[in-house]
Structure formats: C-alpha cells, structure tokens
Amino acid sequence: MNKRREIEITYQRGYRQFQSGKISHAAINYKRLLTIDSHDFRAYLDLADLSLDQRDYSRAERLFKRAIMMNPNSIDAYFNFGIYL
C-alpha cells in the first residue's frame, strides 16, 4: 500500500470511529496517522475536537493552535477553537 492511501485509510477509520462515539479508538488512529505524516492538519484538528469531548482543555488548546499554525486559512480550526474559548 502506498503512503498516500495508508494516510487516507487511517484518517477515514479514525473519523468513522469518532463519529460513532469510539473516542479512544479514533484517537489511536489519529495518533497513528501522525506517525505516518506528522503534518496532517486533519489529525491535529480532530484530536483537538476529541480532547474537547474528553474535557482535556489544555491539550485541546495546544492541538487547535498547532492546527491553526499549520493551516491558518481553516475556518473549521478557528470555529472549533472559538468553541473552546
């Protein structure tokens, strides 16, 4: 399997798990994704959202800031970070 396909499959698996409420499984897949591609903006943003759900606010803040730094034009990152604030 090529790297690009592995990245997309891992992201989609994490996203489906997040949507179905399997938070810890989703987090594992997003973290795995970051070992494959440490610059995957989506993984940082979704991990920040997961951290909010788990009430880990300091971690959520760090992850939102990282996501915004990586993609300063992302409306979703700013919106979700605004929810945190």
N, C-alpha and C. Protein backbone atom coordinates (compact mmCIF):
# COMPACT_ATOMS: atom_id res chain seq x y z
N MET A 1 0.85 -1.18 0.00
CA MET A 1 0.00 0.00 0.00
C MET A 1 0.90 1.24 0.00
N ASN A 2 0.54 2.21 -0.83
CA ASN A 2 1.36 3.41 -0.86
C ASN A 2 1.01 4.32 0.33
N LYS A 3 1.90 5.24 0.60
CA LYS A 3 1.78 6.10 1.78
C LYS A 3 0.51 6.96 1.74
N ARG A 4 0.22 7.52 0.60
CA ARG A 4 -0.96 8.39 0.48
C ARG A 4 -2.25 7.61 0.80
N ARG A 5 -2.33 6.40 0.30
CA ARG A 5 -3.51 5.55 0.55
C ARG A 5 -3.59 5.17 2.03
N GLU A 6 -2.46 4.83 2.62
CA GLU A 6 -2.42 4.48 4.04
C GLU A 6 -2.87 5.67 4.91
N ILE A 7 -2.45 6.85 4.55
CA ILE A 7 -2.85 8.06 5.27
C ILE A 7 -4.37 8.22 5.20
N GLU A 8 -4.93 8.11 4.01
CA GLU A 8 -6.37 8.31 3.85
C GLU A 8 -7.18 7.23 4.56
N ILE A 9 -6.76 5.98 4.47
CA ILE A 9 -7.47 4.89 5.15
C ILE A 9 -7.42 5.09 6.66
N THR A 10 -6.27 5.45 7.17
CA THR A 10 -6.12 5.66 8.62
C THR A 10 -6.97 6.83 9.08
N TYR A 11 -6.98 7.91 8.31
CA TYR A 11 -7.81 9.06 8.67
C TYR A 11 -9.29 8.69 8.67
N GLN A 12 -9.75 8.04 7.60
CA GLN A 12 -11.16 7.68 7.50
C GLN A 12 -11.59 6.73 8.61
N ARG A 13 -10.73 5.80 8.97
CA ARG A 13 -11.02 4.88 10.07
C ARG A 13 -11.21 5.67 11.38
N GLY A 14 -10.30 6.59 11.64
CA GLY A 14 -10.41 7.41 12.83
C GLY A 14 -11.66 8.27 12.82
N TYR A 15 -11.96 8.84 11.67
CA TYR A 15 -13.13 9.71 11.54
C TYR A 15 -14.42 8.92 11.81
N ARG A 16 -14.54 7.74 11.22
CA ARG A 16 -15.73 6.91 11.45
C ARG A 16 -15.87 6.52 12.91
N GLN A 17 -14.74 6.19 13.54
CA GLN A 17 -14.78 5.84 14.95
C GLN A 17 -15.19 7.03 15.81
N PHE A 18 -14.69 8.20 15.49
CA PHE A 18 -15.06 9.41 16.21
C PHE A 18 -16.56 9.65 16.08
N GLN A 19 -17.07 9.55 14.87
CA GLN A 19 -18.49 9.78 14.62
C GLN A 19 -19.39 8.77 15.33
N SER A 20 -18.88 7.56 15.52
CA SER A 20 -19.69 6.53 16.19
C SER A 20 -19.46 6.49 17.70
N GLY A 21 -18.69 7.45 18.21
CA GLY A 21 -18.50 7.55 19.65
C GLY A 21 -17.39 6.70 20.23
N LYS A 22 -16.61 6.09 19.38
CA LYS A 22 -15.48 5.27 19.83
C LYS A 22 -14.24 6.16 19.92
N ILE A 23 -14.27 7.01 20.93
CA ILE A 23 -13.28 8.09 21.06
C ILE A 23 -11.87 7.56 21.20
N SER A 24 -11.66 6.59 22.07
CA SER A 24 -10.30 6.09 22.28
C SER A 24 -9.74 5.42 21.03
N HIS A 25 -10.59 4.71 20.29
CA HIS A 25 -10.13 4.08 19.04
C HIS A 25 -9.81 5.14 17.99
N ALA A 26 -10.63 6.17 17.94
CA ALA A 26 -10.37 7.26 16.99
C ALA A 26 -9.04 7.93 17.32
N ALA A 27 -8.80 8.19 18.59
CA ALA A 27 -7.55 8.84 19.00
C ALA A 27 -6.34 7.99 18.59
N ILE A 28 -6.45 6.69 18.75
CA ILE A 28 -5.35 5.79 18.36
C ILE A 28 -5.06 5.94 16.87
N ASN A 29 -6.11 5.97 16.06
CA ASN A 29 -5.90 6.09 14.61
C ASN A 29 -5.35 7.45 14.22
N TYR A 30 -5.81 8.52 14.85
CA TYR A 30 -5.26 9.83 14.54
C TYR A 30 -3.79 9.93 14.95
N LYS A 31 -3.45 9.36 16.10
CA LYS A 31 -2.05 9.36 16.53
C LYS A 31 -1.20 8.52 15.58
N ARG A 32 -1.74 7.41 15.14
CA ARG A 32 -1.03 6.57 14.17
C ARG A 32 -0.81 7.36 12.87
N LEU A 33 -1.83 8.08 12.46
CA LEU A 33 -1.71 8.90 11.26
C LEU A 33 -0.56 9.89 11.39
N LEU A 34 -0.42 10.47 12.57
CA LEU A 34 0.67 11.44 12.76
C LEU A 34 2.05 10.79 12.75
N THR A 35 2.11 9.49 13.02
CA THR A 35 3.41 8.80 12.87
C THR A 35 3.73 8.57 11.40
N ILE A 36 2.69 8.48 10.58
CA ILE A 36 2.88 8.30 9.14
C ILE A 36 3.17 9.65 8.49
N ASP A 37 2.41 10.67 8.90
CA ASP A 37 2.56 12.01 8.34
C ASP A 37 2.37 13.03 9.47
N SER A 38 3.46 13.51 9.99
CA SER A 38 3.41 14.41 11.15
C SER A 38 2.86 15.79 10.80
N HIS A 39 2.52 16.03 9.54
CA HIS A 39 1.99 17.32 9.10
C HIS A 39 0.53 17.22 8.65
N ASP A 40 -0.16 16.18 9.08
CA ASP A 40 -1.56 16.02 8.67
C ASP A 40 -2.45 16.92 9.53
N PHE A 41 -2.88 18.01 8.94
CA PHE A 41 -3.70 19.00 9.62
C PHE A 41 -4.97 18.40 10.19
N ARG A 42 -5.62 17.51 9.42
CA ARG A 42 -6.89 16.92 9.85
C ARG A 42 -6.74 16.15 11.15
N ALA A 43 -5.64 15.45 11.30
CA ALA A 43 -5.42 14.67 12.52
C ALA A 43 -5.30 15.59 13.73
N TYR A 44 -4.59 16.70 13.59
CA TYR A 44 -4.47 17.64 14.71
C TYR A 44 -5.83 18.25 15.06
N LEU A 45 -6.57 18.63 14.04
CA LEU A 45 -7.87 19.25 14.29
C LEU A 45 -8.83 18.26 14.96
N ASP A 46 -8.87 17.04 14.47
CA ASP A 46 -9.77 16.04 15.05
C ASP A 46 -9.33 15.62 16.45
N LEU A 47 -8.03 15.53 16.68
CA LEU A 47 -7.55 15.24 18.03
C LEU A 47 -7.91 16.37 18.99
N ALA A 48 -7.88 17.60 18.51
CA ALA A 48 -8.30 18.73 19.34
C ALA A 48 -9.77 18.61 19.70
N ASP A 49 -10.59 18.25 18.71
CA ASP A 49 -12.02 18.06 18.98
C ASP A 49 -12.25 16.92 19.96
N LEU A 50 -11.49 15.85 19.81
CA LEU A 50 -11.59 14.73 20.76
C LEU A 50 -11.22 15.17 22.16
N SER A 51 -10.19 15.98 22.25
CA SER A 51 -9.74 16.47 23.55
C SER A 51 -10.82 17.33 24.21
N LEU A 52 -11.53 18.11 23.41
CA LEU A 52 -12.65 18.88 23.95
C LEU A 52 -13.72 17.94 24.51
N ASP A 53 -14.06 16.90 23.75
CA ASP A 53 -15.05 15.93 24.21
C ASP A 53 -14.64 15.27 25.51
N GLN A 54 -13.34 15.07 25.67
CA GLN A 54 -12.83 14.43 26.89
C GLN A 54 -12.55 15.43 27.99
N ARG A 55 -12.86 16.69 27.75
CA ARG A 55 -12.66 17.78 28.70
C ARG A 55 -11.19 17.99 29.07
N ASP A 56 -10.31 17.64 28.14
CA ASP A 56 -8.88 17.89 28.32
C ASP A 56 -8.57 19.21 27.60
N TYR A 57 -8.92 20.29 28.26
CA TYR A 57 -8.90 21.60 27.62
C TYR A 57 -7.51 22.11 27.29
N SER A 58 -6.54 21.83 28.13
CA SER A 58 -5.19 22.31 27.83
C SER A 58 -4.62 21.60 26.60
N ARG A 59 -4.91 20.32 26.48
CA ARG A 59 -4.45 19.58 25.30
C ARG A 59 -5.19 20.07 24.05
N ALA A 60 -6.49 20.30 24.18
CA ALA A 60 -7.27 20.80 23.06
C ALA A 60 -6.70 22.13 22.57
N GLU A 61 -6.39 23.01 23.50
CA GLU A 61 -5.83 24.31 23.13
C GLU A 61 -4.54 24.16 22.36
N ARG A 62 -3.63 23.30 22.85
CA ARG A 62 -2.35 23.09 22.16
C ARG A 62 -2.58 22.56 20.74
N LEU A 63 -3.50 21.59 20.62
CA LEU A 63 -3.76 20.99 19.31
C LEU A 63 -4.44 21.96 18.36
N PHE A 64 -5.38 22.76 18.86
CA PHE A 64 -6.00 23.77 18.00
C PHE A 64 -4.97 24.77 17.51
N LYS A 65 -4.11 25.23 18.39
CA LYS A 65 -3.07 26.19 17.98
C LYS A 65 -2.16 25.58 16.94
N ARG A 66 -1.82 24.31 17.10
CA ARG A 66 -0.97 23.62 16.12
C ARG A 66 -1.68 23.53 14.77
N ALA A 67 -2.97 23.16 14.81
CA ALA A 67 -3.74 23.05 13.57
C ALA A 67 -3.83 24.41 12.87
N ILE A 68 -4.08 25.47 13.63
CA ILE A 68 -4.17 26.81 13.04
C ILE A 68 -2.83 27.25 12.47
N MET A 69 -1.76 26.91 13.15
CA MET A 69 -0.43 27.25 12.66
C MET A 69 -0.16 26.53 11.33
N MET A 70 -0.64 25.29 11.22
CA MET A 70 -0.42 24.51 10.01
C MET A 70 -1.30 24.98 8.85
N ASN A 71 -2.51 25.43 9.19
CA ASN A 71 -3.45 25.86 8.15
C ASN A 71 -4.19 27.10 8.64
N PRO A 72 -3.56 28.26 8.54
CA PRO A 72 -4.14 29.49 9.07
C PRO A 72 -5.41 29.94 8.34
N ASN A 73 -5.75 29.32 7.23
CA ASN A 73 -6.96 29.68 6.49
C ASN A 73 -8.15 28.77 6.81
N SER A 74 -7.99 27.88 7.76
CA SER A 74 -9.04 26.92 8.07
C SER A 74 -10.12 27.55 8.96
N ILE A 75 -11.28 27.71 8.39
CA ILE A 75 -12.42 28.24 9.14
C ILE A 75 -12.80 27.26 10.26
N ASP A 76 -12.76 25.96 9.96
CA ASP A 76 -13.11 24.95 10.96
C ASP A 76 -12.21 25.03 12.18
N ALA A 77 -10.93 25.22 11.97
CA ALA A 77 -10.00 25.30 13.10
C ALA A 77 -10.32 26.49 13.99
N TYR A 78 -10.54 27.64 13.38
CA TYR A 78 -10.88 28.84 14.17
C TYR A 78 -12.23 28.69 14.86
N PHE A 79 -13.21 28.16 14.15
CA PHE A 79 -14.54 27.99 14.72
C PHE A 79 -14.49 27.05 15.93
N ASN A 80 -13.86 25.90 15.76
CA ASN A 80 -13.79 24.92 16.85
C ASN A 80 -12.96 25.45 18.02
N PHE A 81 -11.91 26.18 17.72
CA PHE A 81 -11.11 26.78 18.77
C PHE A 81 -11.94 27.83 19.52
N GLY A 82 -12.77 28.55 18.78
CA GLY A 82 -13.67 29.53 19.41
C GLY A 82 -14.65 28.87 20.36
N ILE A 83 -15.10 27.67 20.04
CA ILE A 83 -15.98 26.92 20.96
C ILE A 83 -15.24 26.64 22.26
N TYR A 84 -13.99 26.28 22.11
CA TYR A 84 -13.17 26.00 23.31
C TYR A 84 -13.08 27.24 24.20
N LEU A 85 -12.85 28.41 23.57
CA LEU A 85 -12.67 29.64 24.33
C LEU A 85 -13.96 30.03 25.00
